[in-house]
């Protein structure tokens, strides 16, 4: 069973491990790893929620509320394909409504497929430190 709850500050080290492992697995980030302090800076001002699978934290999402913007959504590699990402997106939809948006690296094929299978679509393309990104919007945008 997947449970979503608000993250606790003490969990930032574990969330940094999930962030790093998922980014390394994606293979398209110039700076894939982060420690707890770096992650804390990356999510400053955002609301953060964790996903627990059978009592273990295996993913998280952070949202910049003012823009309904999902800034980070990462699932531990071992938990991918088990519905964790889907539950995090469902939670965000329920909590924040529509439209939601996020940026996804164009080269992150697995993430692109995941979001597009959920009905998300692109409206904007840009370029950042890791190459081309697409700003995707929830299907009800």
Protein backbone atom coordinates (compact mmCIF):
# COMPACT_ATOMS: atom_id res chain seq x y z
CA UNK A 1 0.00 0.00 0.00
CA UNK A 2 1.27 3.48 -0.90
CA UNK A 3 0.81 6.25 1.64
CA UNK A 4 1.51 9.95 0.95
CA UNK A 5 2.38 12.27 3.82
CA UNK A 6 4.21 15.51 4.50
CA UNK A 7 7.99 15.14 4.59
CA UNK A 8 9.96 15.73 7.77
CA UNK A 9 13.22 17.73 7.86
CA UNK A 10 15.04 14.73 9.31
CA UNK A 11 14.27 12.77 6.11
CA UNK A 12 16.23 15.08 3.78
CA UNK A 13 19.27 12.79 3.80
CA UNK A 14 17.18 9.84 2.65
CA UNK A 15 15.36 11.97 0.08
CA UNK A 16 18.74 13.11 -1.28
CA UNK A 17 19.66 9.43 -1.75
CA UNK A 18 16.44 8.83 -3.71
CA UNK A 19 17.01 12.00 -5.76
CA UNK A 20 20.58 11.00 -6.58
CA UNK A 21 19.82 7.36 -7.42
CA UNK A 22 16.91 8.26 -9.70
CA UNK A 23 18.94 10.94 -11.52
CA UNK A 24 21.91 8.60 -11.99
CA UNK A 25 19.56 5.94 -13.38
CA UNK A 26 18.03 8.46 -15.83
CA UNK A 27 21.54 9.13 -17.15
CA UNK A 28 20.86 12.60 -18.54
CA UNK A 29 21.84 14.97 -15.74
CA UNK A 30 25.16 16.81 -15.51
CA UNK A 31 24.94 16.96 -11.70
CA UNK A 32 23.03 13.83 -10.72
CA UNK A 33 23.92 13.64 -7.04
CA UNK A 34 23.00 15.83 -4.07
CA UNK A 35 23.48 15.57 -0.33
CA UNK A 36 20.93 16.64 2.30
CA UNK A 37 22.16 20.25 2.41
CA UNK A 38 22.09 20.61 -1.37
CA UNK A 39 18.60 19.12 -1.57
CA UNK A 40 17.46 21.45 1.21
CA UNK A 41 18.53 24.42 -0.92
CA UNK A 42 16.87 22.95 -4.03
CA UNK A 43 13.47 22.60 -2.33
CA UNK A 44 13.54 25.79 -0.28
CA UNK A 45 10.08 27.37 -0.20
CA UNK A 46 8.37 24.29 -1.62
CA UNK A 47 5.88 21.90 -0.05
CA UNK A 48 7.37 18.40 0.12
CA UNK A 49 5.51 15.11 0.42
CA UNK A 50 6.88 11.59 0.62
CA UNK A 51 5.51 8.31 -0.65
CA UNK A 52 5.77 5.28 1.61
CA UNK A 53 5.49 1.79 0.17
CA UNK A 54 4.90 -0.80 2.88
CA UNK A 55 6.19 1.69 5.47
CA UNK A 56 9.40 2.63 3.64
CA UNK A 57 9.93 6.07 2.06
CA UNK A 58 10.56 5.37 -1.64
CA UNK A 59 9.73 8.64 -3.37
CA UNK A 60 8.91 12.30 -2.98
CA UNK A 61 7.41 15.30 -4.69
CA UNK A 62 8.01 19.00 -4.09
CA UNK A 63 5.64 21.70 -5.28
CA UNK A 64 6.14 25.43 -5.77
CA UNK A 65 2.58 26.26 -4.71
CA UNK A 66 2.32 29.80 -6.13
CA UNK A 67 2.59 28.41 -9.67
CA UNK A 68 1.14 24.89 -9.18
CA UNK A 69 4.56 23.76 -10.38
CA UNK A 70 5.91 20.31 -9.54
CA UNK A 71 9.58 21.07 -9.10
CA UNK A 72 10.79 17.58 -8.17
CA UNK A 73 9.26 14.13 -8.39
CA UNK A 74 11.61 11.23 -7.80
CA UNK A 75 11.08 7.55 -7.06
CA UNK A 76 13.81 5.18 -5.89
CA UNK A 77 14.87 2.92 -8.77
CA UNK A 78 13.83 -0.24 -6.89
CA UNK A 79 10.29 1.16 -6.42
CA UNK A 80 9.74 2.37 -9.98
CA UNK A 81 6.93 0.64 -11.84
CA UNK A 82 4.98 0.02 -8.61
CA UNK A 83 2.57 2.96 -8.84
CA UNK A 84 4.50 5.34 -6.59
CA UNK A 85 4.92 8.10 -9.17
CA UNK A 86 1.29 7.77 -10.21
CA UNK A 87 0.12 8.15 -6.61
CA UNK A 88 2.31 11.22 -6.13
CA UNK A 89 0.77 12.81 -9.24
CA UNK A 90 -2.76 11.89 -8.09
CA UNK A 91 -2.00 13.44 -4.71
CA UNK A 92 -0.80 16.68 -6.33
CA UNK A 93 -3.91 16.85 -8.51
CA UNK A 94 -6.15 16.38 -5.49
CA UNK A 95 -4.17 18.79 -3.30
CA UNK A 96 -3.46 21.58 -5.80
CA UNK A 97 -5.96 21.12 -8.64
CA UNK A 98 -5.30 22.10 -12.25
CA UNK A 99 -3.44 23.15 -14.16
CA UNK A 100 -0.27 21.58 -12.82
CA UNK A 101 3.00 21.82 -14.69
CA UNK A 102 6.57 20.57 -14.47
CA UNK A 103 9.78 20.58 -16.47
CA UNK A 104 11.17 17.31 -17.77
CA UNK A 105 14.46 16.81 -19.55
CA UNK A 106 13.83 15.84 -23.17
CA UNK A 107 16.52 13.13 -22.88
CA UNK A 108 14.86 11.58 -19.83
CA UNK A 109 12.99 9.07 -21.97
CA UNK A 110 11.51 7.07 -19.09
CA UNK A 111 10.11 10.16 -17.36
CA UNK A 112 8.81 11.57 -20.65
CA UNK A 113 6.97 8.30 -21.33
CA UNK A 114 5.57 8.23 -17.78
CA UNK A 115 4.11 11.75 -17.93
CA UNK A 116 2.79 11.42 -21.47
CA UNK A 117 1.08 8.12 -20.57
CA UNK A 118 -0.68 10.08 -17.81
CA UNK A 119 -1.97 12.55 -20.40
CA UNK A 120 0.52 15.35 -19.79
CA UNK A 121 1.51 17.42 -22.82
CA UNK A 122 4.13 20.02 -23.65
CA UNK A 123 3.52 23.71 -24.31
CA UNK A 124 7.00 25.10 -23.90
CA UNK A 125 10.53 24.01 -24.75
CA UNK A 126 13.72 25.51 -23.37
CA UNK A 127 17.33 24.75 -22.70
CA UNK A 128 19.12 24.48 -19.38
CA UNK A 129 22.29 23.07 -17.85
CA UNK A 130 21.30 19.53 -18.81
CA UNK A 131 20.13 20.29 -22.34
CA UNK A 132 16.65 20.64 -23.76
CA UNK A 133 13.69 20.49 -21.38
CA UNK A 134 9.97 20.48 -21.99
CA UNK A 135 7.41 22.11 -19.74
CA UNK A 136 4.59 19.60 -19.44
CA UNK A 137 1.06 20.36 -18.29
CA UNK A 138 -1.53 18.11 -16.69
CA UNK A 139 -4.19 16.82 -19.04
CA UNK A 140 -6.86 19.13 -17.63
CA UNK A 141 -4.82 22.30 -18.24
